[in-house]
Protein backbone atom coordinates (compact mmCIF):
# COMPACT_ATOMS: atom_id res chain seq x y z
CA MET A 1 269.10 -140.24 -19.11
CA GLY A 2 265.27 -140.25 -19.95
CA SER A 3 264.31 -139.50 -16.61
CA ASP A 4 266.64 -136.20 -16.38
CA SER A 5 264.55 -134.88 -19.47
CA GLU A 6 261.42 -135.72 -17.65
CA THR A 7 262.16 -133.96 -14.44
CA GLU A 8 263.49 -130.99 -16.59
CA LYS A 9 260.01 -130.57 -18.28
CA SER A 10 258.05 -130.90 -15.18
CA GLN A 11 260.29 -128.11 -13.47
CA LYS A 12 259.82 -126.05 -16.43
CA GLU A 13 256.07 -126.78 -16.27
CA ARG A 14 256.25 -125.96 -12.53
CA LYS A 15 258.12 -122.64 -13.07
CA LYS A 16 255.51 -121.31 -15.88
CA THR A 17 252.50 -122.37 -13.51
CA ALA A 18 254.10 -120.30 -10.52
CA ALA A 19 254.60 -117.23 -12.86
CA LEU A 20 250.80 -117.38 -13.73
CA ALA A 21 248.92 -114.26 -12.81
CA PRO A 22 245.70 -114.97 -10.18
CA ILE A 23 243.25 -113.48 -12.86
CA ALA A 24 244.59 -116.08 -15.48
CA LYS A 25 241.17 -117.53 -15.79
CA PRO A 26 239.68 -119.62 -18.08
CA LEU A 27 243.31 -121.51 -18.38
CA ALA A 28 243.90 -123.55 -21.16
CA GLY A 29 244.73 -127.37 -20.40
CA LYS A 30 247.63 -128.92 -22.40
CA LYS A 31 245.57 -130.30 -25.00
CA LEU A 32 243.60 -127.17 -25.78
CA CYS A 33 246.89 -124.96 -25.50
CA LYS A 34 248.20 -127.32 -28.17
CA ARG A 35 245.26 -126.75 -30.29
CA THR A 36 245.34 -122.99 -29.77
CA PHE A 37 248.93 -122.79 -30.60
CA LYS A 38 248.30 -124.68 -33.96
CA LEU A 39 245.43 -122.08 -34.88
CA VAL A 40 247.60 -119.23 -34.03
CA ARG A 41 250.19 -120.77 -36.28
CA ARG A 42 247.75 -121.21 -39.20
CA ALA A 43 246.15 -117.80 -38.64
CA SER A 44 249.91 -116.19 -38.64
CA GLU A 45 250.57 -117.80 -41.99
CA SER A 46 247.15 -116.62 -43.56
CA LYS A 47 247.71 -113.06 -42.21
CA CYS A 48 244.48 -113.24 -39.76
CA LEU A 49 246.34 -112.23 -36.60
CA LYS A 50 246.75 -109.01 -34.57
CA ARG A 51 249.71 -109.32 -32.23
CA GLY A 52 250.32 -107.03 -29.03
CA VAL A 53 247.96 -105.47 -26.53
CA LYS A 54 247.69 -101.95 -28.72
CA GLU A 55 246.62 -104.06 -31.90
CA VAL A 56 244.28 -106.31 -30.18
CA VAL A 57 242.57 -103.45 -28.25
CA LYS A 58 242.64 -101.26 -31.56
CA SER A 59 240.63 -104.24 -33.52
CA ILE A 60 238.31 -105.00 -30.74
CA ARG A 61 237.09 -101.41 -30.43
CA ARG A 62 236.87 -101.44 -34.30
CA GLY A 63 234.63 -104.29 -33.96
CA ASN A 64 236.57 -107.17 -35.36
CA LYS A 65 235.55 -110.52 -34.19
CA GLY A 66 237.75 -113.42 -33.22
CA LEU A 67 239.33 -115.39 -30.86
CA CYS A 68 241.77 -113.46 -28.07
CA ILE A 69 244.60 -115.48 -26.70
CA ILE A 70 246.26 -113.87 -23.69
CA ALA A 71 249.33 -115.05 -21.91
CA GLY A 72 248.95 -115.70 -18.27
CA ASN A 73 252.52 -114.73 -17.17
CA ILE A 74 252.78 -111.10 -17.91
CA SER A 75 254.35 -109.01 -15.26
CA PRO A 76 253.03 -106.37 -14.52
CA ILE A 77 249.58 -107.77 -14.88
CA ASP A 78 248.11 -104.09 -15.28
CA VAL A 79 249.37 -104.37 -18.91
CA ILE A 80 246.45 -106.93 -19.96
CA THR A 81 243.99 -106.38 -17.43
CA HIS A 82 241.62 -104.34 -19.52
CA VAL A 83 241.52 -106.83 -22.45
CA PRO A 84 239.45 -109.57 -21.08
CA ILE A 85 236.84 -106.81 -20.13
CA LEU A 86 237.01 -105.36 -23.53
CA CYS A 87 236.49 -109.16 -24.98
CA GLU A 88 233.29 -109.56 -22.66
CA GLU A 89 231.67 -106.32 -23.84
CA ALA A 90 232.33 -107.01 -27.44
CA GLU A 91 231.14 -110.67 -26.80
CA ILE A 92 234.77 -112.06 -27.96
CA PRO A 93 235.56 -115.52 -26.53
CA TYR A 94 239.39 -115.47 -24.76
CA VAL A 95 241.29 -117.91 -22.94
CA TYR A 96 244.74 -117.66 -21.18
CA VAL A 97 247.76 -119.71 -21.82
CA PRO A 98 250.64 -120.33 -19.67
CA SER A 99 253.31 -118.83 -21.47
CA LYS A 100 254.13 -115.63 -23.59
CA GLU A 101 256.95 -117.08 -25.23
CA ASP A 102 255.16 -120.12 -26.27
CA LEU A 103 252.62 -117.52 -27.75
CA ALA A 104 255.05 -115.66 -29.50
CA THR A 105 256.74 -118.76 -31.15
CA ALA A 106 253.31 -119.99 -32.23
CA GLY A 107 252.65 -116.40 -33.85
CA ALA A 108 255.82 -116.44 -35.67
CA THR A 109 257.61 -113.34 -33.90
CA LYS A 110 260.89 -113.34 -31.93
CA ARG A 111 259.68 -111.13 -29.04
CA PRO A 112 257.36 -112.44 -26.23
CA THR A 113 253.83 -111.33 -27.30
CA CYS A 114 251.23 -110.57 -24.31
CA CYS A 115 248.02 -111.28 -26.33
CA VAL A 116 246.87 -111.93 -29.87
CA LEU A 117 243.62 -111.84 -31.70
CA VAL A 118 242.78 -114.49 -34.27
CA LEU A 119 240.49 -113.16 -36.94
CA THR A 120 238.33 -115.44 -39.43
CA LYS A 121 239.38 -113.69 -42.29
CA PRO A 122 242.39 -111.59 -43.26
CA MET A 123 242.27 -107.70 -43.00
CA LYS A 124 243.50 -107.48 -46.39
CA GLY A 125 243.16 -109.63 -49.68
CA GLU A 126 241.34 -112.96 -49.72
CA LEU A 127 242.28 -116.47 -48.60
CA GLY A 128 241.95 -119.48 -50.96
CA LYS A 129 238.83 -121.42 -50.24
CA GLU A 130 240.38 -124.50 -48.78
CA GLU A 131 242.86 -122.59 -46.68
CA GLN A 132 239.62 -120.48 -45.25
CA GLU A 133 237.68 -123.68 -44.73
CA LYS A 134 240.75 -125.17 -42.56
CA LEU A 135 241.02 -121.95 -40.57
CA LYS A 136 237.36 -121.88 -39.74
CA ALA A 137 237.32 -125.41 -38.86
CA GLU A 138 240.12 -125.03 -36.22
CA TYR A 139 238.78 -121.81 -35.12
CA ASP A 140 235.26 -123.44 -34.37
CA GLN A 141 236.79 -126.05 -32.85
CA VAL A 142 238.83 -124.27 -30.38
CA VAL A 143 236.08 -121.68 -29.73
CA SER A 144 233.81 -124.08 -28.88
CA GLU A 145 236.27 -125.70 -26.17
CA VAL A 146 236.91 -122.32 -24.91
CA SER A 147 233.30 -121.71 -24.51
CA GLU A 148 232.58 -124.93 -22.73
CA LEU A 149 235.78 -124.11 -20.30
CA THR A 150 234.18 -120.67 -19.67
CA SER A 151 231.04 -122.20 -19.00
CA SER A 152 232.44 -124.61 -16.67
CA LEU A 153 233.72 -121.77 -14.44
CA ILE A 154 230.49 -120.19 -13.82
């Protein structure tokens, strides 16, 4: 019984990686994915998250800083090809994750999400000092891992 679920999981993983776009680099590994989704969940709870291509592009153009997380299994890929370029111009770190469904689940939405931008502080209102510190600590940890991953590609 246990081996059946193991093969099911590995088949799901293979399907996710088969649907990945060829431009999905730097792609987060399992451990980084888990940390990234945890950060997205926390940012969603504290209203520090921009969801969808339109909102993310608007925030980047307005000069907001943060971490951009892009789903790697978007079809057609033309929908998000300009986002990494905008991120590089604005010096915003970005990383790809394998699944748009998992990204949406972490961001507390039912619809699959192409990309999200995790901001360090909320657009409206203020966070409690403790919440702000937790979010900042997780954010810094994920950003440092993403920058390591990006530097290993170059």
